[in-house]
Amino acid sequence: YLPGEARFLLTEALRGEGAILRDAEGRPFAKEYHPNGELAPRDIVARAVFSESQKLVGGGSYGEYVHNAYLDISHRDANWLKDRFPSIDAHLSSRSNPMDFTKEKIPVIPAAHYTCGGVTTDLNGCVVGDVSSTNGSSSGWYRNLYAAGEAARTGLHGGNRLASTSLLEGLVFGASVGEMVAGVGGDASDDAALEGREKVMETMHMARHAIEHRLVMEQHGVNGSGIASSSDDRITNEATAILAHLKSLMWDNVGVVRTPSKLEVAVSELGAIRDQADRMWEERHHGAAAGWEVAALRDAAYAGLAVAEAALANRVSGGAHYVELDEEHSSVDVKEQDSDDEDDVVVARA
C-alpha cells in the first residue's frame, strides 16, 4: 500500500514462506486474531489487516492516522528471497523511491474483496431455475442460460475464494459450457454435434467482426455516425468519474467488514448510479455509440447493486461475507459461520 501509486499484488506465498504481519511499531498482530496467525483462513487475515489499518497510532484520541499494517520477511535470506520472488523484487526496486523487501517491512492493505459466485448451475454449467422434473432438470428460459467461472455457484467454492478453485472453475466448467453450447456435450449425436459446431463458429465469427469494428471506431474517437463529438467526450468523462466513485462506494460500504447501515447507504446510492448509467446508455442511441466507459459503468452499477442487496439481506457471516452490527441495528440477530472449514478461501489479498 503506497499512497498515490497503483496497487501491486504481494502474493500470499510470502506469508506461506514465513512473512509476519506487523503494525507500525513492529508488533506482530496476526495471532491476536487467530491461533494460526498469518496462515489463518484468508477472510480472517484480511479482517485482521483491515482492523489494524483503521487504528489510531500514537495513543488515545490524540493519535494520528498513519499506516499501521506491514508485511515483514526480512528475517529470511536476502538472496533466497530475491530468487524466490523476482517480480516483487523488480517492482519494488524500480520505484522512484526504491524499497528492499529483504531489509524492510512493506506496507499492505487488502487489495480486493471477492463475492463468491451465486448463480447456481448444474454440472454442465446450465443455470438451475425452477426444478419441474424428477430428474432435477431446469425449465423455461434457464435452459438457454449458462454460467461458468467465478460468477457460478457449482459447489466448488466455499465461504471464500481460492486461486486454485477459480482456475478449476474456469477450465473445467468453461470447457463444459462451451461443449454444451456447441452441441457436442451430453448425449448429442455426431450429426447434431457437427451442426452445433458450425452454428457456434458462425456466431463467433460474427461476434468477433462486431467487436473488431467497435474497437476501430473507439480507437479513432468517433461516434455511430463516424463523427467525433464533444458530447461523446462529456459522457466518457462523466462515466469515468462516476465509476471511480462507485468503486470507492463499494470498498467503503460493501468491503471486508460490512454493517447494515453502510449496506443501506450502498443500496441507495448504487440504485441512483444504476438509473443514471441507464440514462447515459440510452442517451447514446441505445448504446450504439456509447464507449466502453459507459458500458463498464452500467455493468458495474447493476453488479454492485446486486451484491449490496444480497449482502444486506444476508445476516449470516461466513467467509467473504462478514456482518458487524452497528448501534442502529443492534437488535438484529446476526449469526456467524465457522471460518476454519476446508472450503474457506479468499476475501482479500494483502
Protein backbone atom coordinates (compact mmCIF):
# COMPACT_ATOMS: atom_id res chain seq x y z
CA TYR A 1 0.00 0.00 0.00
CA LEU A 2 1.77 3.10 -1.29
CA PRO A 3 -0.44 6.23 -1.47
CA GLY A 4 -0.58 7.76 -4.92
CA GLU A 5 0.73 4.62 -6.62
CA ALA A 6 -1.02 1.79 -8.40
CA ARG A 7 -1.67 -1.26 -6.23
CA PHE A 8 0.78 -4.13 -6.60
CA LEU A 9 -0.18 -7.64 -5.51
CA LEU A 10 2.05 -9.19 -2.87
CA THR A 11 1.44 -12.90 -3.23
CA GLU A 12 0.16 -14.79 -0.20
CA ALA A 13 3.10 -17.14 -0.78
CA LEU A 14 5.09 -14.59 1.21
CA ARG A 15 3.08 -15.50 4.28
CA GLY A 16 3.49 -19.13 3.38
CA GLU A 17 7.26 -18.64 3.45
CA GLY A 18 7.15 -17.05 6.89
CA ALA A 19 6.35 -13.36 6.38
CA ILE A 20 5.00 -11.70 9.53
CA LEU A 21 2.22 -9.12 9.76
CA ARG A 22 3.30 -6.21 11.98
CA ASP A 23 1.89 -2.85 12.99
CA ALA A 24 3.68 0.48 12.65
CA GLU A 25 5.61 -0.15 15.86
CA GLY A 26 6.75 -3.59 14.75
CA ARG A 27 4.31 -5.58 16.88
CA PRO A 28 3.18 -8.87 15.28
CA PHE A 29 -0.62 -8.95 15.44
CA ALA A 30 -1.92 -11.89 13.39
CA LYS A 31 -2.08 -14.35 16.29
CA GLU A 32 -4.27 -11.94 18.21
CA TYR A 33 -6.96 -12.73 15.64
CA HIS A 34 -6.38 -16.46 15.11
CA PRO A 35 -4.10 -19.16 16.59
CA ASN A 36 -2.67 -19.89 13.14
CA GLY A 37 -1.55 -16.29 12.74
CA GLU A 38 -0.53 -15.41 9.19
CA LEU A 39 -1.70 -18.84 8.00
CA ALA A 40 -5.27 -18.40 9.22
CA PRO A 41 -8.16 -18.55 6.71
CA ARG A 42 -7.92 -15.67 4.27
CA ASP A 43 -11.03 -13.86 5.42
CA ILE A 44 -9.65 -13.68 8.96
CA VAL A 45 -6.24 -12.46 7.77
CA ALA A 46 -7.92 -9.80 5.63
CA ARG A 47 -10.05 -8.57 8.53
CA ALA A 48 -7.01 -8.51 10.80
CA VAL A 49 -5.09 -6.32 8.34
CA PHE A 50 -8.13 -4.12 7.79
CA SER A 51 -8.74 -3.74 11.53
CA GLU A 52 -5.15 -2.80 12.32
CA SER A 53 -5.05 -0.32 9.44
CA GLN A 54 -8.04 1.52 10.95
CA LYS A 55 -6.39 2.11 14.33
CA LEU A 56 -5.09 5.44 15.53
CA VAL A 57 -1.35 5.40 16.09
CA GLY A 58 0.05 7.44 18.94
CA GLY A 59 -2.38 6.54 21.70
CA GLY A 60 -5.77 7.78 22.82
CA SER A 61 -7.93 10.21 20.90
CA TYR A 62 -4.85 12.25 20.00
CA GLY A 63 -3.34 9.55 17.84
CA GLU A 64 -2.57 10.20 14.20
CA TYR A 65 -3.84 8.33 11.16
CA VAL A 66 -0.71 6.66 9.82
CA HIS A 67 -0.46 3.35 8.06
CA ASN A 68 -0.49 0.55 10.58
CA ALA A 69 -0.20 -2.78 8.72
CA TYR A 70 3.01 -4.17 7.25
CA LEU A 71 4.37 -7.45 5.93
CA ASP A 72 7.86 -8.33 7.12
CA ILE A 73 10.00 -11.14 5.73
CA SER A 74 13.38 -9.54 6.36
CA HIS A 75 14.38 -12.42 8.65
CA ARG A 76 14.79 -14.74 5.64
CA ASP A 77 17.96 -14.92 3.50
CA ALA A 78 18.10 -11.96 1.09
CA ASN A 79 19.47 -13.86 -1.93
CA TRP A 80 16.93 -16.62 -1.49
CA LEU A 81 14.08 -14.10 -1.28
CA LYS A 82 15.11 -12.31 -4.48
CA ASP A 83 15.36 -15.63 -6.30
CA ARG A 84 12.03 -16.86 -4.89
CA PHE A 85 10.11 -13.63 -5.55
CA PRO A 86 11.80 -11.91 -8.53
CA SER A 87 8.69 -9.96 -9.62
CA ILE A 88 8.22 -8.39 -6.20
CA ASP A 89 11.91 -7.53 -6.01
CA ALA A 90 11.86 -6.00 -9.51
CA HIS A 91 8.74 -3.94 -8.84
CA LEU A 92 9.89 -2.50 -5.52
CA SER A 93 13.39 -1.81 -6.87
CA SER A 94 12.04 0.05 -9.91
CA ARG A 95 10.16 2.68 -7.86
CA SER A 96 11.40 6.27 -7.88
CA ASN A 97 11.97 5.69 -4.17
CA PRO A 98 13.18 2.04 -4.20
CA MET A 99 12.22 -0.40 -1.44
CA ASP A 100 14.08 -3.54 -0.42
CA PHE A 101 11.69 -6.17 0.91
CA THR A 102 14.66 -8.23 2.16
CA LYS A 103 15.55 -5.47 4.64
CA GLU A 104 12.38 -3.50 5.41
CA LYS A 105 8.74 -4.21 6.11
CA ILE A 106 6.29 -3.44 3.29
CA PRO A 107 3.01 -1.54 3.89
CA VAL A 108 -0.03 -3.67 2.97
CA ILE A 109 -3.80 -3.43 2.75
CA PRO A 110 -6.44 -5.89 1.47
CA ALA A 111 -6.26 -5.22 -2.26
CA ALA A 112 -9.56 -6.68 -3.42
CA HIS A 113 -12.72 -8.11 -1.96
CA TYR A 114 -14.43 -11.07 -3.57
CA THR A 115 -18.03 -12.17 -3.65
CA CYS A 116 -18.18 -15.87 -4.35
CA GLY A 117 -20.41 -16.95 -7.21
CA GLY A 118 -24.11 -17.14 -6.54
CA VAL A 119 -25.61 -18.28 -9.86
CA THR A 120 -26.47 -21.94 -9.25
CA THR A 121 -25.64 -24.28 -12.13
CA ASP A 122 -25.68 -27.98 -12.84
CA LEU A 123 -22.57 -29.97 -13.80
CA ASN A 124 -22.86 -28.79 -17.40
CA GLY A 125 -22.88 -25.12 -16.42
CA CYS A 126 -26.58 -24.69 -17.16
CA VAL A 127 -28.26 -22.26 -14.76
CA VAL A 128 -30.64 -24.06 -12.45
CA GLY A 129 -34.00 -22.33 -12.14
CA ASP A 130 -37.36 -23.79 -11.14
CA VAL A 131 -36.98 -27.53 -10.95
CA SER A 132 -40.07 -29.04 -12.53
CA SER A 133 -39.00 -32.58 -13.19
CA THR A 134 -37.96 -35.50 -11.05
CA ASN A 135 -34.51 -35.68 -12.63
CA GLY A 136 -33.68 -32.14 -11.46
CA SER A 137 -33.50 -30.52 -14.89
CA SER A 138 -34.31 -26.83 -15.14
CA SER A 139 -37.12 -25.41 -17.20
CA GLY A 140 -38.12 -22.28 -19.07
CA TRP A 141 -35.58 -19.73 -20.28
CA TYR A 142 -32.99 -21.16 -17.90
CA ARG A 143 -32.39 -23.89 -20.47
CA ASN A 144 -30.51 -21.38 -22.63
CA LEU A 145 -28.62 -19.62 -19.84
CA TYR A 146 -25.16 -20.80 -18.80
CA ALA A 147 -22.65 -19.57 -16.25
CA ALA A 148 -19.02 -20.51 -15.78
CA GLY A 149 -16.13 -19.26 -13.70
CA GLU A 150 -16.40 -17.15 -10.58
CA ALA A 151 -19.95 -15.99 -11.33
CA ALA A 152 -21.24 -19.54 -10.95
CA ARG A 153 -22.17 -21.47 -7.82
CA THR A 154 -21.15 -25.02 -8.59
CA GLY A 155 -20.32 -26.11 -5.05
CA LEU A 156 -16.55 -25.87 -5.53
CA HIS A 157 -16.33 -22.51 -3.76
CA GLY A 158 -16.63 -22.32 -0.02
CA GLY A 159 -17.06 -19.20 2.06
CA ASN A 160 -14.02 -17.60 0.45
CA ARG A 161 -12.22 -17.66 -2.88
CA LEU A 162 -9.28 -19.95 -3.65
CA ALA A 163 -6.95 -19.14 -6.51
CA SER A 164 -6.76 -22.81 -7.44
CA THR A 165 -10.53 -23.13 -7.24
CA SER A 166 -11.12 -20.27 -9.66
CA LEU A 167 -8.73 -21.93 -12.11
CA LEU A 168 -10.69 -25.17 -11.80
CA GLU A 169 -13.95 -23.28 -12.28
CA GLY A 170 -12.71 -21.60 -15.45
CA LEU A 171 -11.06 -24.61 -17.05
CA VAL A 172 -13.49 -27.40 -16.19
CA PHE A 173 -16.81 -25.58 -16.32
CA GLY A 174 -15.70 -23.20 -19.05
CA ALA A 175 -14.99 -26.20 -21.26
CA SER A 176 -18.22 -27.88 -20.21
CA VAL A 177 -20.32 -24.82 -21.08
CA GLY A 178 -18.54 -24.49 -24.42
CA GLU A 179 -19.29 -28.11 -25.28
CA MET A 180 -22.94 -27.80 -24.29
CA VAL A 181 -23.49 -24.59 -26.25
CA ALA A 182 -21.75 -26.08 -29.28
CA GLY A 183 -23.92 -29.16 -29.03
CA VAL A 184 -21.01 -31.54 -28.51
CA GLY A 185 -21.69 -32.28 -24.86
CA GLY A 186 -24.18 -34.58 -23.22
CA ASP A 187 -25.91 -37.07 -25.50
CA ALA A 188 -25.53 -35.12 -28.74
CA SER A 189 -25.22 -37.33 -31.85
CA ASP A 190 -22.39 -36.87 -34.35
CA ASP A 191 -24.67 -35.06 -36.84
CA ALA A 192 -26.07 -32.80 -34.15
CA ALA A 193 -22.59 -32.12 -32.84
CA LEU A 194 -21.34 -31.14 -36.30
CA GLU A 195 -24.30 -28.84 -36.90
CA GLY A 196 -23.81 -27.30 -33.46
CA ARG A 197 -20.14 -26.62 -34.13
CA GLU A 198 -20.94 -24.90 -37.43
CA LYS A 199 -23.53 -22.63 -35.82
CA VAL A 200 -21.21 -21.73 -32.97
CA MET A 201 -18.34 -20.96 -35.34
CA GLU A 202 -20.60 -18.74 -37.44
CA THR A 203 -21.83 -16.87 -34.36
CA MET A 204 -18.28 -16.46 -33.04
CA HIS A 205 -17.14 -15.06 -36.40
CA MET A 206 -19.95 -12.51 -36.43
CA ALA A 207 -19.26 -11.51 -32.82
CA ARG A 208 -15.54 -11.14 -33.48
CA HIS A 209 -16.23 -8.94 -36.51
CA ALA A 210 -18.59 -6.72 -34.49
CA ILE A 211 -16.06 -6.38 -31.66
CA GLU A 212 -13.21 -5.53 -34.04
CA HIS A 213 -15.39 -2.93 -35.77
CA ARG A 214 -16.32 -1.37 -32.42
CA LEU A 215 -12.67 -1.24 -31.33
CA VAL A 216 -11.65 0.51 -34.56
CA MET A 217 -14.38 3.11 -34.01
CA GLU A 218 -13.25 3.77 -30.44
CA GLN A 219 -9.59 4.00 -31.44
CA HIS A 220 -10.47 6.71 -33.94
CA GLY A 221 -12.65 8.52 -31.41
CA VAL A 222 -15.84 8.57 -33.46
CA ASN A 223 -19.47 8.00 -32.66
CA GLY A 224 -22.01 5.89 -34.53
CA SER A 225 -22.21 8.41 -37.37
CA GLY A 226 -18.45 8.44 -37.81
CA ILE A 227 -18.11 11.95 -36.39
CA ALA A 228 -16.32 12.77 -33.17
CA SER A 229 -18.37 14.96 -30.83
CA SER A 230 -17.90 16.93 -27.64
CA SER A 231 -20.94 15.12 -26.28
CA ASP A 232 -19.06 11.81 -26.54
CA ASP A 233 -16.16 13.26 -24.56
CA ARG A 234 -18.50 14.68 -21.93
CA ILE A 235 -20.26 11.36 -21.39
CA THR A 236 -16.98 9.44 -21.35
CA ASN A 237 -15.50 11.73 -18.71
CA GLU A 238 -18.68 11.65 -16.66
CA ALA A 239 -18.86 7.85 -16.78
CA THR A 240 -15.22 7.54 -15.76
CA ALA A 241 -15.73 9.82 -12.76
CA ILE A 242 -18.91 8.02 -11.64
CA LEU A 243 -17.20 4.62 -11.96
CA ALA A 244 -14.36 5.81 -9.72
CA HIS A 245 -16.94 6.92 -7.15
CA LEU A 246 -18.75 3.57 -7.45
CA LYS A 247 -15.53 1.68 -6.69
CA SER A 248 -14.92 3.77 -3.58
CA LEU A 249 -18.55 3.32 -2.55
CA MET A 250 -18.25 -0.47 -2.80
CA TRP A 251 -14.95 -0.59 -0.92
CA ASP A 252 -16.16 1.69 1.89
CA ASN A 253 -19.60 0.13 2.36
CA VAL A 254 -19.56 -3.40 0.90
CA GLY A 255 -15.99 -4.36 1.72
CA VAL A 256 -14.16 -6.60 4.17
CA VAL A 257 -16.35 -5.65 7.14
CA ARG A 258 -20.00 -4.86 6.43
CA THR A 259 -22.62 -3.19 8.61
CA PRO A 260 -26.36 -2.94 7.93
CA SER A 261 -26.21 0.88 7.91
CA LYS A 262 -23.36 1.03 5.39
CA LEU A 263 -25.06 -1.56 3.20
CA GLU A 264 -28.24 0.52 3.21
CA VAL A 265 -26.24 3.54 2.09
CA ALA A 266 -24.65 1.47 -0.67
CA VAL A 267 -28.00 0.13 -1.91
CA SER A 268 -29.48 3.64 -2.05
CA GLU A 269 -26.53 5.23 -3.85
CA LEU A 270 -25.99 2.31 -6.21
CA GLY A 271 -29.64 2.42 -7.22
CA ALA A 272 -29.23 6.06 -8.19
CA ILE A 273 -25.99 5.31 -10.07
CA ARG A 274 -27.68 2.47 -11.95
CA ASP A 275 -30.51 4.76 -13.05
CA GLN A 276 -28.01 7.40 -14.16
CA ALA A 277 -25.97 4.81 -16.07
CA ASP A 278 -29.12 3.63 -17.83
CA ARG A 279 -29.92 7.20 -18.90
CA MET A 280 -26.38 7.69 -20.21
CA TRP A 281 -26.66 4.44 -22.14
CA GLU A 282 -29.99 5.42 -23.68
CA GLU A 283 -28.71 8.89 -24.48
CA ARG A 284 -26.12 7.38 -26.77
CA HIS A 285 -28.73 5.92 -29.14
CA HIS A 286 -29.46 2.80 -27.10
CA GLY A 287 -25.79 2.10 -26.55
CA ALA A 288 -24.91 2.02 -30.24
CA ALA A 289 -22.35 4.79 -29.86
CA ALA A 290 -21.62 4.54 -26.16
CA GLY A 291 -17.99 3.93 -25.31
CA TRP A 292 -16.73 1.14 -23.13
CA GLU A 293 -16.67 3.55 -20.16
CA VAL A 294 -20.47 3.82 -20.22
CA ALA A 295 -20.85 0.07 -20.66
CA ALA A 296 -18.43 -0.56 -17.78
CA LEU A 297 -20.33 1.84 -15.54
CA ARG A 298 -23.69 0.31 -16.37
CA ASP A 299 -22.46 -3.24 -15.77
CA ALA A 300 -20.67 -2.29 -12.55
CA ALA A 301 -23.75 -0.49 -11.24
CA TYR A 302 -26.02 -3.49 -11.80
CA ALA A 303 -23.48 -5.95 -10.39
CA GLY A 304 -22.65 -3.76 -7.40
CA LEU A 305 -26.30 -3.22 -6.55
CA ALA A 306 -26.99 -6.96 -6.74
CA VAL A 307 -24.09 -7.67 -4.38
CA ALA A 308 -25.12 -4.93 -1.93
CA GLU A 309 -28.76 -6.03 -1.84
CA ALA A 310 -27.80 -9.66 -1.29
CA ALA A 311 -25.35 -8.69 1.45
CA LEU A 312 -27.97 -6.55 3.20
CA ALA A 313 -30.44 -9.45 3.16
CA ASN A 314 -27.90 -11.97 4.46
CA ARG A 315 -27.41 -11.77 8.23
CA VAL A 316 -25.19 -14.84 8.44
CA SER A 317 -21.47 -14.08 8.45
CA GLY A 318 -19.38 -16.60 6.57
CA GLY A 319 -16.07 -16.27 4.76
CA ALA A 320 -16.05 -13.30 2.38
CA HIS A 321 -19.35 -12.01 3.82
CA TYR A 322 -18.79 -10.65 7.32
CA VAL A 323 -21.51 -8.63 9.07
CA GLU A 324 -20.84 -6.41 12.08
CA LEU A 325 -23.75 -4.80 13.90
CA ASP A 326 -23.93 -1.04 14.37
CA GLU A 327 -26.00 0.73 17.04
CA GLU A 328 -28.93 1.34 14.74
CA HIS A 329 -29.31 -2.41 14.10
CA SER A 330 -28.16 -3.77 17.47
CA SER A 331 -31.36 -5.76 17.89
CA VAL A 332 -30.85 -7.69 14.64
CA ASP A 333 -29.78 -11.28 15.05
CA VAL A 334 -26.53 -11.90 13.20
CA LYS A 335 -25.12 -15.40 13.06
CA GLU A 336 -21.58 -16.38 12.19
CA GLN A 337 -20.30 -19.49 10.46
CA ASP A 338 -17.01 -21.12 11.36
CA SER A 339 -14.20 -19.93 9.10
CA ASP A 340 -11.98 -22.94 9.70
CA ASP A 341 -13.66 -25.43 7.36
CA GLU A 342 -11.78 -26.76 4.35
CA ASP A 343 -13.98 -24.86 1.93
CA ASP A 344 -12.81 -21.44 3.07
CA VAL A 345 -10.88 -19.20 0.78
CA VAL A 346 -10.01 -15.59 -0.04
CA VAL A 347 -11.56 -12.32 0.91
CA ALA A 348 -8.68 -10.17 0.06
CA ARG A 349 -5.08 -10.31 -0.85
CA ALA A 350 -2.58 -8.40 1.15
